[in-house]
């Protein structure tokens, strides 16, 4: 290959673009460099530096991502500092397991979407107890460091090659895998993103996707709640509990909610709970266990279920939205109930994304009710 086609834009000389062959020495001040696809490079040296487009024999290491064979360098003919084509955005990063203090506000790279993927600019991020489980190590993250978060709404900024059904500017939401929503931008498999109706506020959509589809699993899939049933909801003023009370009430069930104080009891009553106290399972009753905000549940001996012919299940929302069809059905029913007024989403707390640690601390100390949403700082 005789030439590497690189677009160089010198920002302080009226953004003049030109192609540069390999080995060419350039003197410039503060430049952006773009591939032919016009991907932005990080800002280069701030003063009196020389940019050299290397030959195909050169091997460099990027200063921001440690990738090799990066086709731009700062300095003369020796390896010094090099920049790659990946854009940097801010995100919460966890390098060690622990309390809210381990959540760090750092720069990360966001590349281009590959086949079957989209890139989104995040507008609102849902906070869920599962994020705390991963931060503390109750659930195992794939590796350290990692970006937490499993729910967000954003605007599509790029689509992968050959992808149809998605375009730049679409507003989409997702809940579940992949983890990493506590970031200003994110790459997602297109199959996990669902369209958000224009009538639904981004904060509402971000707070209701994971919790709403969890509620859908609990009242429509794991057990079909019907008129005449009695449903006991623990933490009835929480994010999922609030939706469960409203949904079960709309289906005609009598709803009993447990709460920690009188203020939350009043909210639970508004959300459809007919009683705010503790009752026992009836004969042939169903215990549907979800979440573990109070810690890992104690094991239940199988013989304990025999006294009343009881049923016990521990469903995961992921298993009930495993296919694209199941995902669209679940999310569609949630959003339809939001639009119709069956579900009133309580976004009672918003925090800047950079203060996600404070949001976690407040959630763990039971200072919150309803849903928590993080808003990107910029």
Protein backbone atom coordinates (compact mmCIF):
# COMPACT_ATOMS: atom_id res chain seq x y z
CA UNK A 1 0.00 0.00 0.00
CA UNK A 2 1.59 3.26 -1.10
CA UNK A 3 -0.67 5.74 0.68
CA UNK A 4 -2.74 5.79 3.84
CA UNK A 5 -5.66 8.14 3.21
CA UNK A 6 -6.02 10.31 6.31
CA UNK A 7 -8.01 13.54 6.50
CA UNK A 8 -6.23 16.21 8.52
CA UNK A 9 -8.21 19.23 9.79
CA UNK A 10 -6.09 21.98 11.31
CA UNK A 11 -8.64 23.69 13.51
CA UNK A 12 -6.89 27.05 13.76
CA UNK A 13 -6.51 27.52 10.00
CA UNK A 14 -10.18 27.61 8.94
CA UNK A 15 -10.63 23.80 8.93
CA UNK A 16 -8.76 23.17 5.69
CA UNK A 17 -8.85 19.46 4.78
CA UNK A 18 -6.21 17.62 2.75
CA UNK A 19 -4.89 14.09 2.28
CA UNK A 20 -1.46 13.24 3.60
CA UNK A 21 0.75 10.36 2.39
CA UNK A 22 2.65 8.17 4.88
CA UNK A 23 5.93 9.50 6.24
CA UNK A 24 4.90 13.12 5.58
CA UNK A 25 5.95 15.57 8.32
CA UNK A 26 3.48 18.29 9.27
CA UNK A 27 3.91 21.24 11.62
CA UNK A 28 0.62 22.32 13.20
CA UNK A 29 -0.98 23.67 16.34
CA UNK A 30 -3.95 21.85 17.90
CA UNK A 31 -5.43 19.53 15.29
CA UNK A 32 -8.24 17.04 14.86
CA UNK A 33 -7.55 14.07 12.61
CA UNK A 34 -10.23 12.06 10.77
CA UNK A 35 -10.32 8.82 8.84
CA UNK A 36 -12.06 8.90 5.46
CA UNK A 37 -15.24 7.89 7.32
CA UNK A 38 -14.89 11.18 9.21
CA UNK A 39 -14.50 9.65 12.65
CA UNK A 40 -13.20 12.22 15.13
CA UNK A 41 -9.84 11.74 16.77
CA UNK A 42 -9.04 13.19 20.21
CA UNK A 43 -7.51 16.66 20.21
CA UNK A 44 -3.84 16.49 19.40
CA UNK A 45 -0.95 18.52 20.87
CA UNK A 46 -1.75 22.03 21.96
CA UNK A 47 1.28 23.88 20.62
CA UNK A 48 4.19 23.70 18.17
CA UNK A 49 4.03 19.95 17.59
CA UNK A 50 4.78 17.85 14.57
CA UNK A 51 2.32 15.24 13.27
CA UNK A 52 3.74 12.36 11.24
CA UNK A 53 1.62 9.88 9.28
CA UNK A 54 3.61 6.65 9.74
CA UNK A 55 4.54 4.18 7.08
CA UNK A 56 3.08 0.67 7.05
CA UNK A 57 6.16 -0.60 8.92
CA UNK A 58 5.53 1.62 11.94
CA UNK A 59 3.94 0.19 15.10
CA UNK A 60 2.67 2.56 17.74
CA UNK A 61 0.69 2.44 20.97
CA UNK A 62 -2.23 4.76 21.62
CA UNK A 63 -2.01 6.91 24.75
CA UNK A 64 -5.73 6.63 25.49
CA UNK A 65 -6.55 2.99 24.78
CA UNK A 66 -3.16 1.21 24.44
CA UNK A 67 -4.09 -0.16 21.02
CA UNK A 68 -1.22 -0.73 18.63
CA UNK A 69 -0.66 0.25 14.99
CA UNK A 70 -2.39 3.60 15.46
CA UNK A 71 -1.79 5.73 12.35
CA UNK A 72 -0.91 9.04 13.98
CA UNK A 73 1.84 10.16 16.33
CA UNK A 74 2.91 13.21 18.26
CA UNK A 75 6.62 13.95 18.08
CA UNK A 76 9.35 13.39 15.55
CA UNK A 77 10.58 10.03 14.29
CA UNK A 78 10.54 8.17 17.62
CA UNK A 79 7.64 6.72 19.61
CA UNK A 80 6.28 9.23 22.10
CA UNK A 81 2.51 9.82 22.37
CA UNK A 82 -0.08 8.48 19.97
CA UNK A 83 -3.81 8.99 19.50
CA UNK A 84 -6.42 6.62 18.08
CA UNK A 85 -9.73 7.26 16.34
CA UNK A 86 -12.02 6.26 19.23
CA UNK A 87 -14.05 9.05 20.81
CA UNK A 88 -13.90 9.60 24.54
CA UNK A 89 -17.00 10.05 26.69
CA UNK A 90 -17.63 10.17 30.42
CA UNK A 91 -18.90 7.14 32.34
CA UNK A 92 -19.06 5.64 35.81
CA UNK A 93 -16.36 2.99 36.23
CA UNK A 94 -15.90 0.42 38.98
CA UNK A 95 -12.36 -0.89 39.47
CA UNK A 96 -12.99 -2.73 42.74
CA UNK A 97 -16.06 -4.08 44.51
CA UNK A 98 -17.44 -2.18 47.46
CA UNK A 99 -19.62 0.70 48.55
CA UNK A 100 -20.76 3.73 46.56
CA UNK A 101 -17.30 5.26 46.93
CA UNK A 102 -15.84 2.80 44.39
CA UNK A 103 -17.84 4.41 41.57
CA UNK A 104 -15.46 6.68 39.63
CA UNK A 105 -16.27 9.34 37.01
CA UNK A 106 -13.86 8.65 34.15
CA UNK A 107 -13.32 8.90 30.42
CA UNK A 108 -13.98 5.80 28.32
CA UNK A 109 -13.88 5.01 24.61
CA UNK A 110 -16.88 4.53 22.39
CA UNK A 111 -16.08 3.11 18.97
CA UNK A 112 -18.24 2.66 15.91
CA UNK A 113 -21.14 0.16 15.90
CA UNK A 114 -20.45 -3.11 14.14
CA UNK A 115 -22.87 -5.25 12.19
CA UNK A 116 -26.12 -5.61 14.14
CA UNK A 117 -25.23 -2.79 16.54
CA UNK A 118 -26.24 0.81 17.20
CA UNK A 119 -24.63 3.64 19.13
CA UNK A 120 -26.82 5.80 21.35
CA UNK A 121 -26.33 9.13 23.10
CA UNK A 122 -27.87 8.53 26.49
CA UNK A 123 -30.56 10.96 27.68
CA UNK A 124 -31.82 9.21 30.85
CA UNK A 125 -30.63 6.20 32.85
CA UNK A 126 -32.66 4.05 35.24
CA UNK A 127 -31.17 3.06 38.60
CA UNK A 128 -32.04 -0.40 39.89
CA UNK A 129 -31.04 -2.53 42.84
CA UNK A 130 -29.37 -4.97 40.47
CA UNK A 131 -26.78 -2.24 39.82
CA UNK A 132 -25.92 -2.35 43.54
CA UNK A 133 -25.69 -6.15 43.46
CA UNK A 134 -23.04 -5.94 40.73
CA UNK A 135 -21.18 -3.11 42.48
CA UNK A 136 -20.96 -5.09 45.73
CA UNK A 137 -20.23 -8.44 44.07
CA UNK A 138 -23.50 -10.16 44.99
CA UNK A 139 -23.76 -10.76 41.24
CA UNK A 140 -20.53 -11.21 39.29
CA UNK A 141 -19.65 -8.68 36.60
CA UNK A 142 -17.86 -10.09 33.53
CA UNK A 143 -14.61 -8.38 34.54
CA UNK A 144 -13.09 -5.45 36.39
CA UNK A 145 -13.20 -2.58 35.68
CA UNK A 146 -16.77 -2.27 34.40
CA UNK A 147 -19.47 0.31 33.78
CA UNK A 148 -22.67 -0.52 35.72
CA UNK A 149 -26.26 0.06 34.66
CA UNK A 150 -28.84 -2.05 32.83
CA UNK A 151 -31.48 0.44 31.69
CA UNK A 152 -31.42 3.60 29.60
CA UNK A 153 -33.08 5.73 26.95
CA UNK A 154 -31.09 7.42 24.23
CA UNK A 155 -30.97 8.81 20.72
CA UNK A 156 -29.37 6.71 17.99
CA UNK A 157 -26.24 8.45 16.69
CA UNK A 158 -24.87 5.70 14.42
CA UNK A 159 -25.94 2.33 13.01
CA UNK A 160 -23.79 -0.62 12.07
CA UNK A 161 -23.18 -1.75 8.48
CA UNK A 162 -26.20 -3.23 6.74
CA UNK A 163 -28.55 -2.67 9.69
CA UNK A 164 -32.19 -2.00 8.80
CA UNK A 165 -35.07 -0.95 11.02
CA UNK A 166 -33.02 1.63 12.91
CA UNK A 167 -31.80 5.05 11.83
CA UNK A 168 -29.92 7.98 13.29
CA UNK A 169 -32.26 10.12 15.37
CA UNK A 170 -34.49 7.26 16.60
CA UNK A 171 -35.31 7.34 20.32
CA UNK A 172 -34.90 3.89 21.84
CA UNK A 173 -34.85 2.26 25.26
CA UNK A 174 -33.35 -0.96 26.57
CA UNK A 175 -33.30 -2.93 29.81
CA UNK A 176 -31.11 -5.87 30.77
CA UNK A 177 -27.95 -6.88 28.96
CA UNK A 178 -25.51 -5.55 27.99
CA UNK A 179 -24.49 -3.87 31.21
CA UNK A 180 -23.02 -0.39 30.86
CA UNK A 181 -25.79 2.23 30.79
CA UNK A 182 -24.05 4.59 33.28
CA UNK A 183 -22.33 6.34 30.38
CA UNK A 184 -22.88 9.33 28.10
CA UNK A 185 -22.81 7.04 25.04
CA UNK A 186 -23.06 3.29 24.56
CA UNK A 187 -22.89 0.61 21.87
CA UNK A 188 -25.89 -1.75 21.93
CA UNK A 189 -27.06 -4.78 19.96
CA UNK A 190 -29.95 -3.41 17.90
CA UNK A 191 -32.11 -6.39 18.90
CA UNK A 192 -32.30 -5.25 22.56
CA UNK A 193 -33.49 -1.71 21.76
CA UNK A 194 -37.20 -0.92 21.57
CA UNK A 195 -38.76 2.26 20.16
CA UNK A 196 -40.03 4.86 22.63
CA UNK A 197 -43.33 6.54 21.85
CA UNK A 198 -43.04 10.33 21.36
CA UNK A 199 -45.67 10.86 24.07
CA UNK A 200 -43.50 9.22 26.75
CA UNK A 201 -40.94 11.39 28.55
CA UNK A 202 -37.39 10.02 28.42
CA UNK A 203 -37.07 10.00 32.22
CA UNK A 204 -40.29 8.02 32.51
CA UNK A 205 -39.22 5.53 29.85
CA UNK A 206 -35.81 5.07 31.48
CA UNK A 207 -37.39 4.44 34.87
CA UNK A 208 -40.08 2.03 33.68
CA UNK A 209 -38.37 -0.32 31.22
CA UNK A 210 -36.68 -2.76 33.58
CA UNK A 211 -39.08 -2.29 36.49
CA UNK A 212 -42.13 -2.31 34.22
CA UNK A 213 -41.11 -5.47 32.37
CA UNK A 214 -40.30 -7.09 35.72
CA UNK A 215 -43.82 -6.22 36.87
CA UNK A 216 -45.17 -7.61 33.60
CA UNK A 217 -43.42 -10.92 34.26
CA UNK A 218 -44.78 -11.05 37.81
CA UNK A 219 -48.46 -10.30 37.07
CA UNK A 220 -48.84 -11.60 33.52
CA UNK A 221 -46.31 -14.38 32.93
CA UNK A 222 -45.03 -16.08 36.10
CA UNK A 223 -48.56 -15.92 37.50
CA UNK A 224 -51.58 -14.46 35.70
CA UNK A 225 -53.29 -12.13 38.15
CA UNK A 226 -57.05 -11.99 37.67
CA UNK A 227 -60.11 -10.44 39.28
CA UNK A 228 -60.77 -12.01 42.68
CA UNK A 229 -57.12 -12.80 43.44
CA UNK A 230 -55.40 -11.37 46.52
CA UNK A 231 -51.83 -10.19 45.94
CA UNK A 232 -49.27 -9.34 48.63
CA UNK A 233 -46.55 -6.94 47.45
CA UNK A 234 -43.47 -6.35 49.60
CA UNK A 235 -41.76 -2.93 49.34
CA UNK A 236 -44.97 -1.65 47.80
CA UNK A 237 -43.69 1.94 47.58
CA UNK A 238 -40.53 1.01 45.70
CA UNK A 239 -39.94 1.21 41.97
CA UNK A 240 -41.23 -2.28 41.11
CA UNK A 241 -43.67 -2.45 44.02
CA UNK A 242 -45.42 0.74 42.97
CA UNK A 243 -46.02 -0.63 39.48
CA UNK A 244 -47.10 -4.02 40.81
CA UNK A 245 -49.75 -2.46 43.04
CA UNK A 246 -51.18 -0.36 40.21
CA UNK A 247 -51.14 -3.17 37.66
CA UNK A 248 -52.61 -5.83 39.94
CA UNK A 249 -55.31 -3.39 41.06
CA UNK A 250 -56.20 -2.62 37.43
CA UNK A 251 -56.55 -6.37 36.82
CA UNK A 252 -59.15 -6.56 39.59
CA UNK A 253 -57.05 -8.07 42.38
CA UNK A 254 -57.10 -7.09 46.05
CA UNK A 255 -53.61 -5.75 46.75
CA UNK A 256 -51.88 -5.88 50.13
CA UNK A 257 -48.64 -3.91 50.40
CA UNK A 258 -45.90 -3.91 53.03
CA UNK A 259 -43.95 -0.67 53.60
CA UNK A 260 -41.45 0.74 56.10
CA UNK A 261 -43.22 3.93 57.22
CA UNK A 262 -46.49 5.86 57.13
CA UNK A 263 -45.40 8.11 54.26
CA UNK A 264 -44.70 5.10 52.05
CA UNK A 265 -47.95 3.51 53.22
CA UNK A 266 -49.84 6.54 51.90
CA UNK A 267 -48.08 6.25 48.53
CA UNK A 268 -48.76 2.50 48.35
CA UNK A 269 -52.44 3.19 48.98
CA UNK A 270 -52.48 5.70 46.13
CA UNK A 271 -50.83 3.08 43.93
CA UNK A 272 -53.63 0.56 44.43
CA UNK A 273 -52.85 -1.27 47.66
CA UNK A 274 -56.05 -1.95 49.58
CA UNK A 275 -54.17 -2.80 52.79
CA UNK A 276 -50.67 -2.03 54.07
CA UNK A 277 -49.87 -4.92 56.41
CA UNK A 278 -48.47 -8.45 56.38
CA UNK A 279 -50.66 -11.43 55.52
CA UNK A 280 -49.90 -15.11 54.97
CA UNK A 281 -50.21 -17.15 51.83
CA UNK A 282 -53.53 -18.88 51.35
CA UNK A 283 -53.82 -22.57 50.62
CA UNK A 284 -52.39 -23.30 47.16
CA UNK A 285 -50.96 -19.78 47.16
CA UNK A 286 -48.11 -18.57 44.94
CA UNK A 287 -44.94 -17.00 46.30
CA UNK A 288 -43.22 -15.15 43.45
CA UNK A 289 -39.83 -13.95 44.73
CA UNK A 290 -37.99 -11.15 42.93
CA UNK A 291 -35.02 -9.01 43.87
CA UNK A 292 -33.03 -9.19 47.08
CA UNK A 293 -32.69 -5.64 48.35
CA UNK A 294 -32.67 -6.98 51.93
CA UNK A 295 -29.94 -9.49 51.15
CA UNK A 296 -29.80 -13.03 49.79
CA UNK A 297 -32.98 -14.87 50.89
CA UNK A 298 -32.65 -17.78 53.27
CA UNK A 299 -33.27 -21.17 51.65
CA UNK A 300 -36.80 -22.56 51.97
CA UNK A 301 -37.06 -26.32 52.59
CA UNK A 302 -39.27 -28.00 50.05
CA UNK A 303 -41.25 -29.56 52.91
CA UNK A 304 -42.39 -26.07 54.02
CA UNK A 305 -44.47 -25.81 50.87
CA UNK A 306 -46.37 -29.00 51.59
CA UNK A 307 -48.43 -27.69 54.50
CA UNK A 308 -50.64 -25.62 52.16
CA UNK A 309 -49.66 -27.02 48.76
CA UNK A 310 -47.83 -23.76 48.09
CA UNK A 311 -46.03 -22.74 44.88
CA UNK A 312 -42.69 -20.93 44.80
CA UNK A 313 -40.90 -19.40 41.82
CA UNK A 314 -37.94 -17.05 41.39
CA UNK A 315 -38.36 -15.60 37.87
CA UNK A 316 -35.85 -13.48 35.97
CA UNK A 317 -37.09 -10.82 33.58
CA UNK A 318 -34.27 -11.82 31.20
CA UNK A 319 -35.72 -15.31 30.76
CA UNK A 320 -39.12 -13.90 29.85
CA UNK A 321 -37.74 -11.45 27.27
CA UNK A 322 -35.21 -13.81 25.70
CA UNK A 323 -36.60 -13.46 22.17
CA UNK A 324 -37.21 -10.29 20.19
CA UNK A 325 -40.94 -11.10 20.09
CA UNK A 326 -41.16 -11.51 23.87
CA UNK A 327 -39.21 -8.28 24.41
CA UNK A 328 -41.48 -6.24 22.13
CA UNK A 329 -44.60 -7.77 23.68
CA UNK A 330 -43.48 -7.00 27.22
CA UNK A 331 -42.19 -3.48 26.53
CA UNK A 332 -45.21 -2.72 24.36
CA UNK A 333 -47.65 -3.65 27.11
CA UNK A 334 -45.71 -1.57 29.64
CA UNK A 335 -45.63 1.53 27.44
CA UNK A 336 -49.30 1.09 26.50
CA UNK A 337 -50.25 1.05 30.18
CA UNK A 338 -48.18 4.17 30.80
CA UNK A 339 -49.88 6.03 27.96
CA UNK A 340 -53.37 4.89 29.03
CA UNK A 341 -52.80 5.90 32.64
CA UNK A 342 -52.99 2.40 34.12
CA UNK A 343 -49.38 2.85 35.28
CA UNK A 344 -48.39 6.12 36.91
CA UNK A 345 -44.59 6.19 36.99
CA UNK A 346 -43.15 7.98 40.00
CA UNK A 347 -39.77 9.46 39.06
CA UNK A 348 -39.24 10.88 42.53
CA UNK A 349 -35.48 11.37 42.35
CA UNK A 350 -33.06 12.53 39.66
CA UNK A 351 -29.28 12.85 39.99
CA UNK A 352 -26.50 13.92 37.62
CA UNK A 353 -24.80 10.85 36.14
CA UNK A 354 -21.52 11.91 37.75
CA UNK A 355 -23.23 11.60 41.17
CA UNK A 356 -24.41 8.01 40.68
CA UNK A 357 -22.61 7.06 43.89
CA UNK A 358 -24.86 9.38 45.88
CA UNK A 359 -27.92 7.86 44.20
CA UNK A 360 -26.75 4.39 45.24
CA UNK A 361 -26.14 5.51 48.81
CA UNK A 362 -29.62 7.02 49.07
CA UNK A 363 -31.24 3.92 47.57
CA UNK A 364 -29.43 1.55 49.93
CA UNK A 365 -30.31 3.65 52.98
CA UNK A 366 -34.02 3.59 51.99
CA UNK A 367 -34.14 7.37 51.57
CA UNK A 368 -35.90 7.02 48.23
CA UNK A 369 -39.30 5.95 46.97
CA UNK A 370 -40.50 5.33 43.46
CA UNK A 371 -37.89 5.47 40.71
CA UNK A 372 -34.43 7.02 40.46
CA UNK A 373 -33.07 8.38 37.18
CA UNK A 374 -29.58 9.59 36.29
CA UNK A 375 -29.23 12.42 33.78
CA UNK A 376 -25.98 12.83 31.78
CA UNK A 377 -24.11 15.92 32.91
CA UNK A 378 -23.58 17.34 29.43
